[in-house]
Amino acid sequence: MKTYQIEIQKFKAAANNLHGQVVFKVDTLVAPRTPPEGIEPSTLLVMTEENARVLMVLLKAQIAEFDSKKPKSRHGRHG
């Protein structure tokens, strides 16, 4: 398996696709990564706190869009 370090430079957009996936358009720096000996290989996704906050806002918006497309339950609250 090849591993990379992916550094998010900027989130440009987010959208939901027909397959139930959230797709992000981003500017990134991608570099091959060789993990230290004895450590499970994995790719790292690195971002600043500012970009993490942008990601959170984008995710909340996309999840709200998914939720708005689901049929509303007819079993509302009683009371």
C-alpha atoms as a PDB file:
ATOM      1  CA  MET A   1       0.000   0.000   0.000  1.00  0.00           C
ATOM      2  CA  LYS A   2       1.300   3.466  -0.847  1.00  0.00           C
ATOM      3  CA  THR A   3       0.995   6.083   1.861  1.00  0.00           C
ATOM      4  CA  TYR A   4       0.937   9.864   1.609  1.00  0.00           C
ATOM      5  CA  GLN A   5       0.814  13.001   3.679  1.00  0.00           C
ATOM      6  CA  ILE A   6      -2.022  15.174   2.374  1.00  0.00           C
ATOM      7  CA  GLU A   7      -1.965  18.765   3.616  1.00  0.00           C
ATOM      8  CA  ILE A   8      -5.164  20.733   3.078  1.00  0.00           C
ATOM      9  CA  GLN A   9      -4.365  24.223   1.782  1.00  0.00           C
ATOM     10  CA  LYS A  10      -7.945  25.368   1.182  1.00  0.00           C
ATOM     11  CA  PHE A  11     -11.460  23.927   1.044  1.00  0.00           C
ATOM     12  CA  LYS A  12     -13.151  25.311  -2.075  1.00  0.00           C
ATOM     13  CA  ALA A  13     -16.556  23.607  -2.067  1.00  0.00           C
ATOM     14  CA  ALA A  14     -18.582  20.660  -0.826  1.00  0.00           C
ATOM     15  CA  ALA A  15     -21.503  18.805  -2.378  1.00  0.00           C
ATOM     16  CA  ASN A  16     -23.474  15.582  -2.051  1.00  0.00           C
ATOM     17  CA  ASN A  17     -23.534  13.201  -4.993  1.00  0.00           C
ATOM     18  CA  LEU A  18     -26.085  10.638  -6.169  1.00  0.00           C
ATOM     19  CA  HIS A  19     -24.219   7.829  -4.390  1.00  0.00           C
ATOM     20  CA  GLY A  20     -24.784   9.266  -0.909  1.00  0.00           C
ATOM     21  CA  GLN A  21     -21.257  10.621  -0.667  1.00  0.00           C
ATOM     22  CA  VAL A  22     -19.956  14.037   0.353  1.00  0.00           C
ATOM     23  CA  VAL A  23     -17.438  15.382  -2.166  1.00  0.00           C
ATOM     24  CA  PHE A  24     -14.965  18.143  -1.294  1.00  0.00           C
ATOM     25  CA  LYS A  25     -13.118  20.305  -3.789  1.00  0.00           C
ATOM     26  CA  VAL A  26      -9.774  21.185  -2.184  1.00  0.00           C
ATOM     27  CA  ASP A  27      -6.323  22.582  -2.825  1.00  0.00           C
ATOM     28  CA  THR A  28      -3.740  20.209  -1.319  1.00  0.00           C
ATOM     29  CA  LEU A  29      -0.070  19.399  -1.082  1.00  0.00           C
ATOM     30  CA  VAL A  30       0.462  15.648  -1.479  1.00  0.00           C
ATOM     31  CA  ALA A  31       3.759  13.964  -0.642  1.00  0.00           C
ATOM     32  CA  PRO A  32       4.695  10.283  -0.453  1.00  0.00           C
ATOM     33  CA  ARG A  33       5.172   9.116   3.125  1.00  0.00           C
ATOM     34  CA  THR A  34       7.240   6.244   4.452  1.00  0.00           C
ATOM     35  CA  PRO A  35       6.072   5.375   7.948  1.00  0.00           C
ATOM     36  CA  PRO A  36       8.694   4.607  10.607  1.00  0.00           C
ATOM     37  CA  GLU A  37       9.644   0.942  10.969  1.00  0.00           C
ATOM     38  CA  GLY A  38       7.158  -1.053  13.038  1.00  0.00           C
ATOM     39  CA  ILE A  39       4.301   1.423  12.632  1.00  0.00           C
ATOM     40  CA  GLU A  40       1.222   0.495  10.620  1.00  0.00           C
ATOM     41  CA  PRO A  41       1.324   2.308   7.267  1.00  0.00           C
ATOM     42  CA  SER A  42      -1.362   4.920   6.812  1.00  0.00           C
ATOM     43  CA  THR A  43      -1.962   8.139   4.942  1.00  0.00           C
ATOM     44  CA  LEU A  44      -2.069  11.334   7.007  1.00  0.00           C
ATOM     45  CA  LEU A  45      -4.552  14.151   6.413  1.00  0.00           C
ATOM     46  CA  VAL A  46      -3.128  17.373   7.870  1.00  0.00           C
ATOM     47  CA  MET A  47      -4.877  20.737   8.228  1.00  0.00           C
ATOM     48  CA  THR A  48      -4.751  23.928  10.248  1.00  0.00           C
ATOM     49  CA  GLU A  49      -7.290  24.707  12.948  1.00  0.00           C
ATOM     50  CA  GLU A  50      -8.854  27.248  10.581  1.00  0.00           C
ATOM     51  CA  ASN A  51      -9.305  24.615   7.870  1.00  0.00           C
ATOM     52  CA  ALA A  52     -10.665  22.145  10.449  1.00  0.00           C
ATOM     53  CA  ARG A  53     -13.316  24.717  11.371  1.00  0.00           C
ATOM     54  CA  VAL A  54     -14.182  25.227   7.679  1.00  0.00           C
ATOM     55  CA  LEU A  55     -14.463  21.441   7.289  1.00  0.00           C
ATOM     56  CA  MET A  56     -16.865  21.292  10.251  1.00  0.00           C
ATOM     57  CA  VAL A  57     -19.109  23.985   8.744  1.00  0.00           C
ATOM     58  CA  LEU A  58     -19.097  22.276   5.336  1.00  0.00           C
ATOM     59  CA  LEU A  59     -19.880  18.880   6.880  1.00  0.00           C
ATOM     60  CA  LYS A  60     -22.774  20.285   8.907  1.00  0.00           C
ATOM     61  CA  ALA A  61     -24.233  21.873   5.765  1.00  0.00           C
ATOM     62  CA  GLN A  62     -23.924  18.664   3.736  1.00  0.00           C
ATOM     63  CA  ILE A  63     -25.432  16.516   6.497  1.00  0.00           C
ATOM     64  CA  ALA A  64     -28.337  18.975   6.751  1.00  0.00           C
ATOM     65  CA  GLU A  65     -28.821  18.597   2.992  1.00  0.00           C
ATOM     66  CA  PHE A  66     -28.911  14.791   3.321  1.00  0.00           C
ATOM     67  CA  ASP A  67     -31.413  15.098   6.166  1.00  0.00           C
ATOM     68  CA  SER A  68     -33.647  17.474   4.201  1.00  0.00           C
ATOM     69  CA  LYS A  69     -33.990  14.888   1.414  1.00  0.00           C
ATOM     70  CA  LYS A  70     -35.057  12.051   3.741  1.00  0.00           C
ATOM     71  CA  PRO A  71     -38.779  11.475   4.155  1.00  0.00           C
ATOM     72  CA  LYS A  72     -40.118  12.895   7.387  1.00  0.00           C
ATOM     73  CA  SER A  73     -41.312  10.363   9.953  1.00  0.00           C
ATOM     74  CA  ARG A  74     -45.060  10.290  10.543  1.00  0.00           C
ATOM     75  CA  HIS A  75     -44.393   9.143  14.100  1.00  0.00           C
ATOM     76  CA  GLY A  76     -43.788  12.527  15.683  1.00  0.00           C
ATOM     77  CA  ARG A  77     -43.520  13.342  19.333  1.00  0.00           C
ATOM     78  CA  HIS A  78     -46.546  12.694  21.495  1.00  0.00           C
ATOM     79  CA  GLY A  79     -47.417  15.309  24.029  1.00  0.00           C
END
